[in-house]
């Protein structure tokens, strides 16, 4: 009887938590969102659209939940770290990170949308 009661309590505790078992799924979906934003940026080949796609990818990924937000942060920070090692300017890196944070925190990515960018994106 004690074992049954302990099992019921454990189930109630686990169900009341933030559903930790969704984290890996959300992370995979968030990584997909980041990749889709990158591919859209490459496809659009639109001048001055980099910050918009940074914000949009992070916004979409973070909208998936805690796992998506984590994936967005890992992908964004990793990309900026690599670009820093390749000699890209610190100002550009900080501007990209600002757009990344804006998107992850739920900000509207259209703040960074360049004029004339097709509605498809």
Protein backbone atom coordinates (compact mmCIF):
# COMPACT_ATOMS: atom_id res chain seq x y z
CA UNK A 1 0.00 0.00 0.00
CA UNK A 2 2.86 2.38 0.83
CA UNK A 3 4.46 1.62 -2.54
CA UNK A 4 1.21 2.38 -4.34
CA UNK A 5 0.80 5.65 -2.44
CA UNK A 6 4.43 6.61 -3.19
CA UNK A 7 3.84 5.88 -6.88
CA UNK A 8 0.73 8.07 -7.00
CA UNK A 9 2.56 10.92 -5.27
CA UNK A 10 5.49 10.58 -7.67
CA UNK A 11 3.16 10.70 -10.69
CA UNK A 12 1.45 13.82 -9.34
CA UNK A 13 4.81 15.52 -8.75
CA UNK A 14 6.12 14.65 -12.21
CA UNK A 15 2.93 15.79 -13.92
CA UNK A 16 2.96 19.08 -12.03
CA UNK A 17 6.50 19.89 -13.13
CA UNK A 18 7.27 21.63 -16.43
CA UNK A 19 6.94 18.39 -18.39
CA UNK A 20 10.68 17.82 -18.64
CA UNK A 21 10.15 15.00 -21.11
CA UNK A 22 9.14 17.55 -23.79
CA UNK A 23 12.51 19.32 -23.59
CA UNK A 24 14.35 17.15 -26.17
CA UNK A 25 11.48 17.41 -28.66
CA UNK A 26 11.27 21.17 -28.22
CA UNK A 27 15.06 21.41 -28.62
CA UNK A 28 14.98 19.48 -31.89
CA UNK A 29 12.10 21.61 -33.17
CA UNK A 30 13.93 24.77 -32.12
CA UNK A 31 17.07 23.67 -33.94
CA UNK A 32 14.92 23.07 -37.02
CA UNK A 33 13.47 26.60 -36.71
CA UNK A 34 16.97 28.05 -36.53
CA UNK A 35 18.04 26.08 -39.60
CA UNK A 36 14.94 27.15 -41.52
CA UNK A 37 15.64 30.82 -40.74
CA UNK A 38 19.23 30.39 -41.94
CA UNK A 39 18.13 28.73 -45.19
CA UNK A 40 15.53 31.44 -45.75
CA UNK A 41 18.22 34.08 -45.24
CA UNK A 42 20.44 32.38 -47.81
CA UNK A 43 17.56 31.95 -50.26
CA UNK A 44 16.37 35.54 -49.96
CA UNK A 45 19.90 36.90 -50.48
CA UNK A 46 18.47 40.23 -49.29
CA UNK A 47 20.80 43.03 -48.26
CA UNK A 48 20.68 44.01 -44.56
CA UNK A 49 18.37 41.08 -43.66
CA UNK A 50 20.79 39.29 -41.34
CA UNK A 51 19.42 40.72 -38.09
CA UNK A 52 15.82 39.99 -39.10
CA UNK A 53 16.56 36.31 -39.70
CA UNK A 54 18.52 36.11 -36.44
CA UNK A 55 15.54 37.51 -34.54
CA UNK A 56 13.02 35.38 -36.44
CA UNK A 57 14.89 32.11 -35.93
CA UNK A 58 15.30 32.76 -32.21
CA UNK A 59 11.68 33.88 -31.86
CA UNK A 60 10.31 30.79 -33.60
CA UNK A 61 12.59 28.43 -31.66
CA UNK A 62 11.87 30.00 -28.27
CA UNK A 63 8.16 29.74 -29.01
CA UNK A 64 8.52 25.96 -28.84
CA UNK A 65 9.20 26.05 -25.10
CA UNK A 66 12.20 25.72 -22.82
CA UNK A 67 13.95 23.23 -25.12
CA UNK A 68 13.52 25.47 -28.14
CA UNK A 69 14.83 28.49 -26.25
CA UNK A 70 17.84 26.46 -25.16
CA UNK A 71 18.51 25.30 -28.73
CA UNK A 72 18.23 28.88 -30.01
CA UNK A 73 20.77 30.05 -27.46
CA UNK A 74 23.22 27.23 -28.20
CA UNK A 75 22.99 27.67 -31.98
CA UNK A 76 23.20 31.47 -31.82
CA UNK A 77 26.09 31.56 -29.38
CA UNK A 78 27.93 28.86 -31.31
CA UNK A 79 27.51 30.68 -34.60
CA UNK A 80 28.73 33.96 -33.15
CA UNK A 81 31.68 32.25 -31.47
CA UNK A 82 32.74 30.71 -34.79
CA UNK A 83 32.33 34.01 -36.61
CA UNK A 84 34.42 35.73 -33.94
CA UNK A 85 37.18 33.19 -34.47
CA UNK A 86 36.99 33.79 -38.23
CA UNK A 87 37.67 37.48 -37.72
CA UNK A 88 34.22 39.07 -38.04
CA UNK A 89 33.94 42.37 -36.21
CA UNK A 90 32.94 42.58 -32.55
CA UNK A 91 30.32 45.23 -33.36
CA UNK A 92 28.60 42.92 -35.85
CA UNK A 93 28.70 40.06 -33.37
CA UNK A 94 27.12 42.19 -30.64
CA UNK A 95 24.43 43.46 -33.03
CA UNK A 96 23.64 39.87 -34.03
CA UNK A 97 23.46 38.83 -30.37
CA UNK A 98 21.12 41.73 -29.63
CA UNK A 99 18.78 40.52 -32.41
CA UNK A 100 19.11 36.96 -31.07
CA UNK A 101 18.12 38.04 -27.54
CA UNK A 102 15.27 40.17 -28.88
CA UNK A 103 13.80 37.16 -30.67
CA UNK A 104 14.35 34.72 -27.79
CA UNK A 105 12.63 37.08 -25.36
CA UNK A 106 9.51 37.14 -27.52
CA UNK A 107 10.17 40.43 -29.31
CA UNK A 108 8.69 41.00 -32.75
CA UNK A 109 11.30 40.04 -35.38
CA UNK A 110 9.78 42.54 -37.82
CA UNK A 111 11.57 45.31 -35.91
CA UNK A 112 14.65 44.16 -37.86
CA UNK A 113 12.84 43.52 -41.16
CA UNK A 114 14.57 45.37 -44.00
CA UNK A 115 12.47 47.41 -46.42
CA UNK A 116 11.30 45.46 -49.45
CA UNK A 117 11.98 41.96 -48.10
CA UNK A 118 9.40 39.72 -49.81
CA UNK A 119 6.40 38.75 -47.64
CA UNK A 120 7.35 35.09 -48.15
CA UNK A 121 9.89 35.59 -45.38
